[in-house]
Amino acid sequence: MTTNTLFRRTLLGLALLPVALAVRPVRAQAAASMQLFKVVSPRDEVIVGADAAQLGPGSNPAVERLAAQLAAKGQLTLWQYASHKDAGGALVQAPLKQIVVFRNELLRIEPYATPLAIQPPK
């Protein structure tokens, strides 16, 4: 590889650096708007996602706001999430299908932490 080619590649890499850095916050904002929860019943458990609008207003923890919304409305339509590989081959948490969660005395909702990127519903 000649010095001229190496210089061009380095210059191109430095020119594209601001673009790469600008994309990262947008992706983080999209993932931050969707929070995951584990809904546990005596029969099964599912991972669901709720955005800020579904959680409702307030400064309480997100899981408390989601539980309050479910108690007030009696049922919530949420996205069920599952891990799978995206188009680039990376493992992500992605929406699988919409499900309805009904208020039930035996139902438990808990925060769900994942190291994977969370894709918003389309």
Protein backbone atom coordinates (compact mmCIF):
# COMPACT_ATOMS: atom_id res chain seq x y z
CA MET A 1 0.00 0.00 0.00
CA THR A 2 1.43 3.34 -0.97
CA THR A 3 1.72 6.27 1.38
CA ASN A 4 -0.72 8.25 -0.79
CA THR A 5 -3.42 5.53 -0.51
CA LEU A 6 -2.93 5.26 3.26
CA PHE A 7 -3.22 9.03 3.57
CA ARG A 8 -6.48 9.06 1.56
CA ARG A 9 -8.01 6.29 3.66
CA THR A 10 -7.06 8.03 6.90
CA LEU A 11 -8.48 11.31 5.63
CA LEU A 12 -11.74 9.60 4.58
CA GLY A 13 -12.01 7.88 7.97
CA LEU A 14 -11.58 11.17 9.79
CA ALA A 15 -14.13 12.85 7.51
CA LEU A 16 -16.75 10.18 8.29
CA LEU A 17 -16.15 10.24 12.06
CA PRO A 18 -18.68 13.06 12.77
CA VAL A 19 -21.36 11.15 10.83
CA ALA A 20 -20.76 7.99 12.86
CA LEU A 21 -20.90 9.93 16.12
CA ALA A 22 -24.13 11.69 15.09
CA VAL A 23 -25.93 8.38 14.40
CA ARG A 24 -25.19 6.94 17.86
CA PRO A 25 -27.33 9.44 19.91
CA VAL A 26 -30.32 8.96 17.58
CA ARG A 27 -30.18 5.20 18.10
CA ALA A 28 -29.82 5.67 21.87
CA GLN A 29 -32.81 8.04 21.96
CA ALA A 30 -35.02 5.57 20.09
CA ALA A 31 -34.05 2.76 22.45
CA ALA A 32 -34.42 4.96 25.52
CA SER A 33 -38.03 5.77 24.59
CA MET A 34 -38.98 2.07 24.83
CA GLN A 35 -38.61 0.35 28.21
CA LEU A 36 -38.85 -3.38 28.74
CA PHE A 37 -40.72 -5.21 31.51
CA LYS A 38 -41.26 -8.83 32.44
CA VAL A 39 -44.92 -9.70 33.01
CA VAL A 40 -45.14 -12.82 35.18
CA SER A 41 -48.34 -14.81 35.70
CA PRO A 42 -48.84 -18.26 37.23
CA ARG A 43 -49.03 -19.69 33.72
CA ASP A 44 -46.15 -17.95 31.90
CA GLU A 45 -43.98 -14.89 31.57
CA VAL A 46 -43.41 -12.51 28.67
CA ILE A 47 -41.16 -9.56 27.97
CA VAL A 48 -43.08 -6.47 26.90
CA GLY A 49 -42.14 -2.96 25.85
CA ALA A 50 -43.85 0.28 26.77
CA ASP A 51 -43.04 3.78 25.58
CA ALA A 52 -43.32 6.98 27.60
CA ALA A 53 -46.92 7.61 26.46
CA GLN A 54 -48.05 4.19 27.72
CA LEU A 55 -46.28 4.66 31.05
CA GLY A 56 -48.16 7.86 31.79
CA PRO A 57 -46.92 11.02 33.45
CA GLY A 58 -45.11 11.26 36.75
CA SER A 59 -41.76 10.93 38.40
CA ASN A 60 -42.39 7.52 39.96
CA PRO A 61 -40.35 4.57 38.66
CA ALA A 62 -41.50 3.32 35.26
CA VAL A 63 -42.71 -0.03 36.61
CA GLU A 64 -45.00 1.76 39.10
CA ARG A 65 -46.44 3.98 36.38
CA LEU A 66 -47.09 0.96 34.14
CA ALA A 67 -48.80 -0.88 36.99
CA ALA A 68 -50.94 2.20 37.73
CA GLN A 69 -51.98 2.42 34.06
CA LEU A 70 -52.94 -1.26 34.07
CA ALA A 71 -54.91 -0.88 37.30
CA ALA A 72 -56.74 2.20 36.01
CA LYS A 73 -57.57 0.88 32.53
CA GLY A 74 -58.00 -2.83 33.29
CA GLN A 75 -56.02 -3.83 30.20
CA LEU A 76 -53.10 -2.53 28.13
CA THR A 77 -52.01 -3.31 24.59
CA LEU A 78 -48.22 -3.70 24.63
CA TRP A 79 -45.54 -5.05 22.30
CA GLN A 80 -44.13 -8.45 23.17
CA TYR A 81 -40.35 -8.46 22.73
CA ALA A 82 -37.93 -11.26 21.92
CA SER A 83 -34.24 -11.42 21.06
CA HIS A 84 -33.24 -12.11 17.49
CA LYS A 85 -30.62 -11.08 14.96
CA ASP A 86 -31.10 -7.88 12.99
CA ALA A 87 -30.20 -7.38 9.33
CA GLY A 88 -26.56 -6.79 10.24
CA GLY A 89 -26.36 -10.01 12.27
CA ALA A 90 -26.28 -8.33 15.69
CA LEU A 91 -28.41 -9.75 18.49
CA VAL A 92 -31.15 -7.26 19.50
CA GLN A 93 -34.41 -7.10 21.45
CA ALA A 94 -37.12 -6.54 18.84
CA PRO A 95 -40.93 -6.32 18.87
CA LEU A 96 -42.53 -9.66 18.06
CA LYS A 97 -46.29 -8.95 18.19
CA GLN A 98 -48.83 -6.85 20.04
CA ILE A 99 -50.47 -8.49 23.04
CA VAL A 100 -53.10 -7.42 25.55
CA VAL A 101 -52.25 -7.64 29.24
CA PHE A 102 -55.28 -7.82 31.54
CA ARG A 103 -55.36 -6.70 35.15
CA ASN A 104 -55.12 -9.74 37.41
CA GLU A 105 -54.44 -10.14 41.14
CA LEU A 106 -51.85 -12.85 40.40
CA LEU A 107 -49.98 -10.81 37.80
CA ARG A 108 -46.53 -9.40 38.59
CA ILE A 109 -44.68 -6.75 36.57
CA GLU A 110 -40.98 -6.17 37.04
CA PRO A 111 -38.34 -4.12 35.20
CA TYR A 112 -36.37 -6.10 32.62
CA ALA A 113 -32.74 -5.17 31.97
CA THR A 114 -30.99 -6.32 28.82
CA PRO A 115 -27.51 -5.67 27.45
CA LEU A 116 -28.94 -5.86 23.92
CA ALA A 117 -30.06 -2.92 21.83
CA ILE A 118 -33.84 -2.37 21.93
CA GLN A 119 -35.57 -1.79 18.61
CA PRO A 120 -38.70 0.39 18.65
CA PRO A 121 -41.89 -0.91 16.98
CA LYS A 122 -42.36 0.09 13.35
